[in-house]
Structure formats: C-alpha cells, structure tokens
Amino acid sequence: MHRNFSVVLGALALALVALRGGLRGEVATDVLREGMLAMLVFMVIGAITGRIADYLVQQQLETQFRHRVAVFQKELREFEEANNPPDES
C-alpha cells in the first residue's frame, strides 16, 4: 500500500508542477527541476502515509479476527455444554 501512495502522490505532484509551469510559461528546465523535487518530497510523504495506513488496516483486521475467534470459541463451549449432559455415574 505504501508504494501505491508513494507513486500516486509523486506523480500527482509532478503533474501539478508541470501544469503550473505550462500555464505560467516558465522555462522547461526550471519546471523539471521543481517537478522532480516536488515528486521526491511527495513520494516520501506518500510512503510514510501508506505505511501508516497499512499498519492501521492490518491491526484492525487482526482485532476483528481475534474477536470473531473468541465469539466462535465461546459459542462452541456453550453448544458443547448444552449438548453433553454431565455423567451421572
């Protein structure tokens, strides 16, 4: 996920700087330099936010899974207790 965020934000930053440079009629070398710098900065930001999002999603899924397993185990115990009468020996 972090790679996807990184690439998308980097490409978006480069595209916006190129668009701004084109609309203002700036020199292509200056636009390219600024665009590459913006792309690098936003790729780093995207990688960091992607890792954070990946961690949060993983933790949420693990928590939900553990909760479902606990509920299943509880219901299984209740079912076994209800269907297995105690021995009267």
Protein backbone atom coordinates (compact mmCIF):
# COMPACT_ATOMS: atom_id res chain seq x y z
CA MET A 1 0.00 0.00 0.00
CA HIS A 2 2.83 2.39 0.79
CA ARG A 3 4.24 2.01 -2.72
CA ASN A 4 0.89 2.85 -4.26
CA PHE A 5 0.51 6.00 -2.16
CA SER A 6 4.09 6.97 -2.90
CA VAL A 7 3.77 6.62 -6.67
CA VAL A 8 0.38 8.31 -6.87
CA LEU A 9 1.34 11.32 -4.77
CA GLY A 10 4.68 11.69 -6.55
CA ALA A 11 3.10 11.58 -10.00
CA LEU A 12 0.38 13.98 -8.94
CA ALA A 13 2.94 16.46 -7.61
CA LEU A 14 4.98 16.28 -10.82
CA ALA A 15 1.86 16.74 -12.94
CA LEU A 16 0.70 19.76 -10.96
CA VAL A 17 4.10 21.44 -11.12
CA ALA A 18 4.29 20.76 -14.87
CA LEU A 19 0.78 22.16 -15.37
CA ARG A 20 1.60 25.26 -13.33
CA GLY A 21 4.81 25.76 -15.30
CA GLY A 22 2.99 25.37 -18.59
CA LEU A 23 0.28 27.82 -17.66
CA ARG A 24 2.79 30.42 -16.48
CA GLY A 25 5.11 29.91 -19.44
CA GLU A 26 8.11 29.05 -17.28
CA VAL A 27 11.37 27.61 -18.60
CA ALA A 28 11.19 23.84 -19.02
CA THR A 29 14.41 23.11 -17.13
CA ASP A 30 13.19 25.06 -14.11
CA VAL A 31 9.84 23.32 -14.23
CA LEU A 32 11.54 19.94 -14.49
CA ARG A 33 13.80 20.68 -11.53
CA GLU A 34 10.89 21.87 -9.39
CA GLY A 35 8.75 18.96 -10.54
CA MET A 36 11.38 16.37 -9.65
CA LEU A 37 11.86 17.95 -6.23
CA ALA A 38 8.10 18.00 -5.60
CA MET A 39 7.83 14.41 -6.80
CA LEU A 40 10.58 13.29 -4.44
CA VAL A 41 9.06 15.09 -1.45
CA PHE A 42 5.56 13.76 -2.11
CA MET A 43 6.85 10.24 -2.75
CA VAL A 44 8.39 10.28 0.72
CA ILE A 45 5.17 11.64 2.21
CA GLY A 46 3.17 9.01 0.32
CA ALA A 47 5.44 6.21 1.51
CA ILE A 48 5.09 7.29 5.13
CA THR A 49 1.31 7.70 4.98
CA GLY A 50 1.00 4.43 3.11
CA ARG A 51 2.93 2.56 5.77
CA ILE A 52 0.79 4.11 8.49
CA ALA A 53 -2.40 3.19 6.63
CA ASP A 54 -1.13 -0.35 6.03
CA TYR A 55 -0.33 -0.76 9.72
CA LEU A 56 -3.73 0.55 10.81
CA VAL A 57 -5.62 -1.70 8.39
CA GLN A 58 -3.58 -4.73 9.48
CA GLN A 59 -4.23 -4.00 13.16
CA GLN A 60 -7.95 -3.54 12.56
CA LEU A 61 -8.23 -6.79 10.63
CA GLU A 62 -6.30 -8.67 13.29
CA THR A 63 -8.52 -7.25 16.04
CA GLN A 64 -11.68 -8.21 14.15
CA PHE A 65 -10.32 -11.71 13.51
CA ARG A 66 -9.40 -12.25 17.17
CA HIS A 67 -12.84 -11.04 18.26
CA ARG A 68 -14.60 -13.42 15.84
CA VAL A 69 -12.48 -16.34 17.01
CA ALA A 70 -13.27 -15.53 20.65
CA VAL A 71 -17.01 -15.38 19.90
CA PHE A 72 -16.82 -18.65 17.98
CA GLN A 73 -14.96 -20.38 20.82
CA LYS A 74 -17.49 -19.09 23.37
CA GLU A 75 -20.44 -20.30 21.30
CA LEU A 76 -18.74 -23.65 20.75
CA ARG A 77 -18.26 -24.11 24.51
CA GLU A 78 -21.89 -23.18 25.16
CA PHE A 79 -23.04 -25.60 22.47
CA GLU A 80 -20.93 -28.43 23.88
CA GLU A 81 -22.17 -27.78 27.42
CA ALA A 82 -25.80 -27.78 26.27
CA ASN A 83 -25.47 -30.99 24.24
CA ASN A 84 -23.26 -33.01 26.60
CA PRO A 85 -25.15 -33.71 29.81
CA PRO A 86 -22.91 -34.41 32.81
CA ASP A 87 -22.17 -38.06 33.64
CA GLU A 88 -24.33 -39.43 36.43
CA SER A 89 -22.07 -42.32 37.39
